[in-house]
Amino acid sequence: LAVQRWGRPRFTHDLDLTLLTGLGTETPYIHELLAEFSSRIPDAERFALVNRVLLLSSSEGIPIDIALGGMPFEERMVERATDFRYTKDALLCTCSGEDLVVLKAFADRPQDWVDIEGVLIRQQAALDRRYILENLGPLCELKESPEIVDKLVAMFDRFPPE
């Protein structure tokens, strides 16, 4: 839904959420979620603890990816999140446009880069590009993928703020 808010709207058939669990205290959250939702994979608890994402499915079969937040960036992202009215009956809290770009670049999948382009085109000068780079850099160092920052800087150059 954050892509609909900040970028180029597109249809998606999944739900991505971040739940602040802290580091080392994820297990009770995982157990509670697995009691309410179906897992999409075998040994979902182990996968979630290793990869910090719990892969679930709603009762309607909609994929739900719940990131187990605990890093300082994730805490800031949740603090910076704001409500957005999608319809008269749907008020939802989403991450900022800047944090969306950080998340999408860090994920580094082809569709994520298309989504980033949409955010850059739609938000233009409203985005704090310095904030994005300051937060993406350390995450990419942890992932040992510094080339992601270079890729984003090149995209910034292609879509300068107006």
C-alpha atoms as a PDB file:
ATOM      1  CA  LEU A   1       0.000   0.000   0.000  1.00  0.00           C
ATOM      2  CA  ALA A   2       2.939   2.353   0.535  1.00  0.00           C
ATOM      3  CA  VAL A   3       3.717   2.086  -3.194  1.00  0.00           C
ATOM      4  CA  GLN A   4       0.152   3.234  -3.953  1.00  0.00           C
ATOM      5  CA  ARG A   5       0.649   6.189  -1.616  1.00  0.00           C
ATOM      6  CA  TRP A   6       4.095   7.367  -2.728  1.00  0.00           C
ATOM      7  CA  GLY A   7       4.750   5.904  -6.154  1.00  0.00           C
ATOM      8  CA  ARG A   8       3.077   4.589  -9.251  1.00  0.00           C
ATOM      9  CA  PRO A   9      -0.033   2.651  -8.200  1.00  0.00           C
ATOM     10  CA  ARG A  10      -0.083  -0.995  -9.212  1.00  0.00           C
ATOM     11  CA  PHE A  11      -2.059  -4.053  -8.235  1.00  0.00           C
ATOM     12  CA  THR A  12      -0.401  -6.381  -5.756  1.00  0.00           C
ATOM     13  CA  HIS A  13      -1.780  -9.521  -4.211  1.00  0.00           C
ATOM     14  CA  ASP A  14       0.242  -9.581  -1.020  1.00  0.00           C
ATOM     15  CA  LEU A  15       0.706  -7.673   2.197  1.00  0.00           C
ATOM     16  CA  ASP A  16       4.070  -6.557   3.594  1.00  0.00           C
ATOM     17  CA  LEU A  17       4.215  -5.447   7.218  1.00  0.00           C
ATOM     18  CA  THR A  18       6.887  -4.639   9.783  1.00  0.00           C
ATOM     19  CA  LEU A  19       6.400  -5.699  13.384  1.00  0.00           C
ATOM     20  CA  LEU A  20       8.881  -4.314  15.904  1.00  0.00           C
ATOM     21  CA  THR A  21       9.924  -7.384  17.873  1.00  0.00           C
ATOM     22  CA  GLY A  22      13.382  -6.309  18.951  1.00  0.00           C
ATOM     23  CA  LEU A  23      16.423  -8.535  18.600  1.00  0.00           C
ATOM     24  CA  GLY A  24      16.346 -11.825  20.477  1.00  0.00           C
ATOM     25  CA  THR A  25      12.707 -11.477  21.514  1.00  0.00           C
ATOM     26  CA  GLU A  26      11.013 -12.575  18.280  1.00  0.00           C
ATOM     27  CA  THR A  27       9.820 -16.054  19.306  1.00  0.00           C
ATOM     28  CA  PRO A  28       6.665 -15.080  21.258  1.00  0.00           C
ATOM     29  CA  TYR A  29       5.539 -12.880  18.358  1.00  0.00           C
ATOM     30  CA  ILE A  30       6.169 -15.685  15.873  1.00  0.00           C
ATOM     31  CA  HIS A  31       4.211 -18.182  17.986  1.00  0.00           C
ATOM     32  CA  GLU A  32       1.245 -15.834  18.339  1.00  0.00           C
ATOM     33  CA  LEU A  33       1.145 -15.098  14.609  1.00  0.00           C
ATOM     34  CA  LEU A  34       1.477 -18.776  13.673  1.00  0.00           C
ATOM     35  CA  ALA A  35      -1.474 -19.521  15.976  1.00  0.00           C
ATOM     36  CA  GLU A  36      -3.628 -17.079  13.967  1.00  0.00           C
ATOM     37  CA  PHE A  37      -2.368 -17.507  10.389  1.00  0.00           C
ATOM     38  CA  SER A  38      -1.238 -20.354   8.148  1.00  0.00           C
ATOM     39  CA  SER A  39       2.428 -20.614   7.283  1.00  0.00           C
ATOM     40  CA  ARG A  40       3.409 -20.585   3.619  1.00  0.00           C
ATOM     41  CA  ILE A  41       6.484 -22.733   4.200  1.00  0.00           C
ATOM     42  CA  PRO A  42       7.527 -25.674   6.369  1.00  0.00           C
ATOM     43  CA  ASP A  43       9.453 -24.744   9.527  1.00  0.00           C
ATOM     44  CA  ALA A  44       8.287 -21.135   9.331  1.00  0.00           C
ATOM     45  CA  GLU A  45       9.557 -20.313  12.820  1.00  0.00           C
ATOM     46  CA  ARG A  46      13.139 -21.305  12.009  1.00  0.00           C
ATOM     47  CA  PHE A  47      12.990 -19.468   8.676  1.00  0.00           C
ATOM     48  CA  ALA A  48      11.672 -16.353  10.418  1.00  0.00           C
ATOM     49  CA  LEU A  49      14.391 -16.402  13.064  1.00  0.00           C
ATOM     50  CA  VAL A  50      17.142 -16.800  10.451  1.00  0.00           C
ATOM     51  CA  ASN A  51      15.751 -14.418   7.806  1.00  0.00           C
ATOM     52  CA  ARG A  52      13.777 -12.009  10.032  1.00  0.00           C
ATOM     53  CA  VAL A  53      10.610 -12.422   7.969  1.00  0.00           C
ATOM     54  CA  LEU A  54       7.597 -14.591   8.748  1.00  0.00           C
ATOM     55  CA  LEU A  55       5.816 -15.902   5.650  1.00  0.00           C
ATOM     56  CA  LEU A  56       2.109 -16.330   6.322  1.00  0.00           C
ATOM     57  CA  SER A  57      -1.137 -16.660   4.434  1.00  0.00           C
ATOM     58  CA  SER A  58      -4.507 -15.106   5.281  1.00  0.00           C
ATOM     59  CA  SER A  59      -7.668 -17.204   5.498  1.00  0.00           C
ATOM     60  CA  GLU A  60      -8.402 -15.973   1.946  1.00  0.00           C
ATOM     61  CA  GLY A  61      -4.993 -17.172   0.737  1.00  0.00           C
ATOM     62  CA  ILE A  62      -3.409 -13.717   0.517  1.00  0.00           C
ATOM     63  CA  PRO A  63       0.358 -13.874   1.157  1.00  0.00           C
ATOM     64  CA  ILE A  64       1.464 -11.889   4.212  1.00  0.00           C
ATOM     65  CA  ASP A  65       5.164 -11.138   4.781  1.00  0.00           C
ATOM     66  CA  ILE A  66       5.863  -9.842   8.278  1.00  0.00           C
ATOM     67  CA  ALA A  67       9.340  -8.381   8.723  1.00  0.00           C
ATOM     68  CA  LEU A  68      10.556  -8.842  12.299  1.00  0.00           C
ATOM     69  CA  GLY A  69      11.906  -5.380  12.969  1.00  0.00           C
ATOM     70  CA  GLY A  70      14.658  -4.769  15.447  1.00  0.00           C
ATOM     71  CA  MET A  71      17.331  -2.664  13.791  1.00  0.00           C
ATOM     72  CA  PRO A  72      17.554   1.088  14.450  1.00  0.00           C
ATOM     73  CA  PHE A  73      16.457   1.861  10.876  1.00  0.00           C
ATOM     74  CA  GLU A  74      13.297  -0.196  11.343  1.00  0.00           C
ATOM     75  CA  GLU A  75      12.541   1.553  14.628  1.00  0.00           C
ATOM     76  CA  ARG A  76      12.943   4.968  12.946  1.00  0.00           C
ATOM     77  CA  MET A  77      10.817   3.828  10.016  1.00  0.00           C
ATOM     78  CA  VAL A  78       7.951   2.890  12.328  1.00  0.00           C
ATOM     79  CA  GLU A  79       8.329   6.165  14.260  1.00  0.00           C
ATOM     80  CA  ARG A  80       8.206   8.144  10.986  1.00  0.00           C
ATOM     81  CA  ALA A  81       5.189   6.249   9.596  1.00  0.00           C
ATOM     82  CA  THR A  82       2.006   8.265   9.128  1.00  0.00           C
ATOM     83  CA  ASP A  83      -1.651   7.588   8.515  1.00  0.00           C
ATOM     84  CA  PHE A  84      -3.054   7.818   5.010  1.00  0.00           C
ATOM     85  CA  ARG A  85      -6.691   7.644   3.971  1.00  0.00           C
ATOM     86  CA  TYR A  86      -7.011   5.275   1.014  1.00  0.00           C
ATOM     87  CA  THR A  87     -10.808   5.403   1.016  1.00  0.00           C
ATOM     88  CA  LYS A  88     -13.370   6.954   3.346  1.00  0.00           C
ATOM     89  CA  ASP A  89     -13.359   3.716   5.358  1.00  0.00           C
ATOM     90  CA  ALA A  90      -9.666   2.817   5.079  1.00  0.00           C
ATOM     91  CA  LEU A  91      -7.146   4.793   7.118  1.00  0.00           C
ATOM     92  CA  LEU A  92      -3.828   2.941   7.260  1.00  0.00           C
ATOM     93  CA  CYS A  93      -0.381   3.717   8.601  1.00  0.00           C
ATOM     94  CA  THR A  94       2.423   3.445   6.038  1.00  0.00           C
ATOM     95  CA  CYS A  95       6.110   4.184   5.951  1.00  0.00           C
ATOM     96  CA  SER A  96       7.421   7.452   4.530  1.00  0.00           C
ATOM     97  CA  GLY A  97       8.362   7.741   0.872  1.00  0.00           C
ATOM     98  CA  GLU A  98      12.036   7.873   1.859  1.00  0.00           C
ATOM     99  CA  ASP A  99      11.799   4.733   3.962  1.00  0.00           C
ATOM    100  CA  LEU A 100       9.958   2.970   1.149  1.00  0.00           C
ATOM    101  CA  VAL A 101      12.852   3.752  -1.205  1.00  0.00           C
ATOM    102  CA  VAL A 102      15.341   2.403   1.364  1.00  0.00           C
ATOM    103  CA  LEU A 103      13.336  -0.818   1.784  1.00  0.00           C
ATOM    104  CA  LYS A 104      12.892  -1.316  -1.945  1.00  0.00           C
ATOM    105  CA  ALA A 105      16.548  -0.631  -2.781  1.00  0.00           C
ATOM    106  CA  PHE A 106      17.721  -2.937   0.005  1.00  0.00           C
ATOM    107  CA  ALA A 107      15.480  -5.738  -1.336  1.00  0.00           C
ATOM    108  CA  ASP A 108      17.076  -5.149  -4.766  1.00  0.00           C
ATOM    109  CA  ARG A 109      14.543  -7.065  -6.882  1.00  0.00           C
ATOM    110  CA  PRO A 110      13.596  -5.942 -10.415  1.00  0.00           C
ATOM    111  CA  GLN A 111      10.056  -4.867  -9.429  1.00  0.00           C
ATOM    112  CA  ASP A 112      11.488  -2.924  -6.478  1.00  0.00           C
ATOM    113  CA  TRP A 113      13.553  -0.775  -8.852  1.00  0.00           C
ATOM    114  CA  VAL A 114      10.455  -0.127 -10.978  1.00  0.00           C
ATOM    115  CA  ASP A 115       8.663   0.936  -7.789  1.00  0.00           C
ATOM    116  CA  ILE A 116      11.554   3.231  -6.796  1.00  0.00           C
ATOM    117  CA  GLU A 117      11.415   4.885 -10.211  1.00  0.00           C
ATOM    118  CA  GLY A 118       7.706   5.551  -9.667  1.00  0.00           C
ATOM    119  CA  VAL A 119       8.385   7.123  -6.263  1.00  0.00           C
ATOM    120  CA  LEU A 120      11.163   9.328  -7.687  1.00  0.00           C
ATOM    121  CA  ILE A 121       8.958  10.503 -10.550  1.00  0.00           C
ATOM    122  CA  ARG A 122       5.900  11.147  -8.398  1.00  0.00           C
ATOM    123  CA  GLN A 123       7.572  12.651  -5.304  1.00  0.00           C
ATOM    124  CA  GLN A 124      10.476  14.484  -6.989  1.00  0.00           C
ATOM    125  CA  ALA A 125      11.849  17.219  -4.688  1.00  0.00           C
ATOM    126  CA  ALA A 126       9.600  16.139  -1.801  1.00  0.00           C
ATOM    127  CA  LEU A 127      11.976  13.238  -1.111  1.00  0.00           C
ATOM    128  CA  ASP A 128      14.902  13.703   1.253  1.00  0.00           C
ATOM    129  CA  ARG A 129      17.516  11.938  -0.839  1.00  0.00           C
ATOM    130  CA  ARG A 130      20.251  12.540   1.729  1.00  0.00           C
ATOM    131  CA  TYR A 131      18.177  10.708   4.371  1.00  0.00           C
ATOM    132  CA  ILE A 132      17.682   7.811   1.946  1.00  0.00           C
ATOM    133  CA  LEU A 133      21.408   7.415   1.263  1.00  0.00           C
ATOM    134  CA  GLU A 134      22.372   7.868   4.930  1.00  0.00           C
ATOM    135  CA  ASN A 135      20.058   5.012   5.893  1.00  0.00           C
ATOM    136  CA  LEU A 136      20.615   2.729   2.916  1.00  0.00           C
ATOM    137  CA  GLY A 137      24.423   2.775   3.136  1.00  0.00           C
ATOM    138  CA  PRO A 138      24.782   1.005   6.512  1.00  0.00           C
ATOM    139  CA  LEU A 139      22.140  -1.574   5.586  1.00  0.00           C
ATOM    140  CA  CYS A 140      23.963  -2.397   2.361  1.00  0.00           C
ATOM    141  CA  GLU A 141      27.222  -2.732   4.292  1.00  0.00           C
ATOM    142  CA  LEU A 142      25.560  -5.315   6.557  1.00  0.00           C
ATOM    143  CA  LYS A 143      24.281  -7.129   3.470  1.00  0.00           C
ATOM    144  CA  GLU A 144      27.733  -6.826   1.870  1.00  0.00           C
ATOM    145  CA  SER A 145      26.111  -5.288  -1.207  1.00  0.00           C
ATOM    146  CA  PRO A 146      27.503  -1.739  -1.504  1.00  0.00           C
ATOM    147  CA  GLU A 147      26.689  -1.721  -5.221  1.00  0.00           C
ATOM    148  CA  ILE A 148      23.037  -1.155  -4.316  1.00  0.00           C
ATOM    149  CA  VAL A 149      23.884   2.388  -3.178  1.00  0.00           C
ATOM    150  CA  ASP A 150      25.652   3.058  -6.488  1.00  0.00           C
ATOM    151  CA  LYS A 151      22.625   1.749  -8.368  1.00  0.00           C
ATOM    152  CA  LEU A 152      20.339   4.102  -6.437  1.00  0.00           C
ATOM    153  CA  VAL A 153      22.640   7.103  -6.942  1.00  0.00           C
ATOM    154  CA  ALA A 154      22.573   6.388 -10.695  1.00  0.00           C
ATOM    155  CA  MET A 155      18.777   6.328 -10.548  1.00  0.00           C
ATOM    156  CA  PHE A 156      18.792   9.621  -8.621  1.00  0.00           C
ATOM    157  CA  ASP A 157      20.889  11.079 -11.459  1.00  0.00           C
ATOM    158  CA  ARG A 158      18.381   9.836 -14.053  1.00  0.00           C
ATOM    159  CA  PHE A 159      15.446  11.309 -12.118  1.00  0.00           C
ATOM    160  CA  PRO A 160      16.634  14.587 -10.570  1.00  0.00           C
ATOM    161  CA  PRO A 161      14.225  16.540  -8.373  1.00  0.00           C
ATOM    162  CA  GLU A 162      12.402  19.324 -10.188  1.00  0.00           C
END
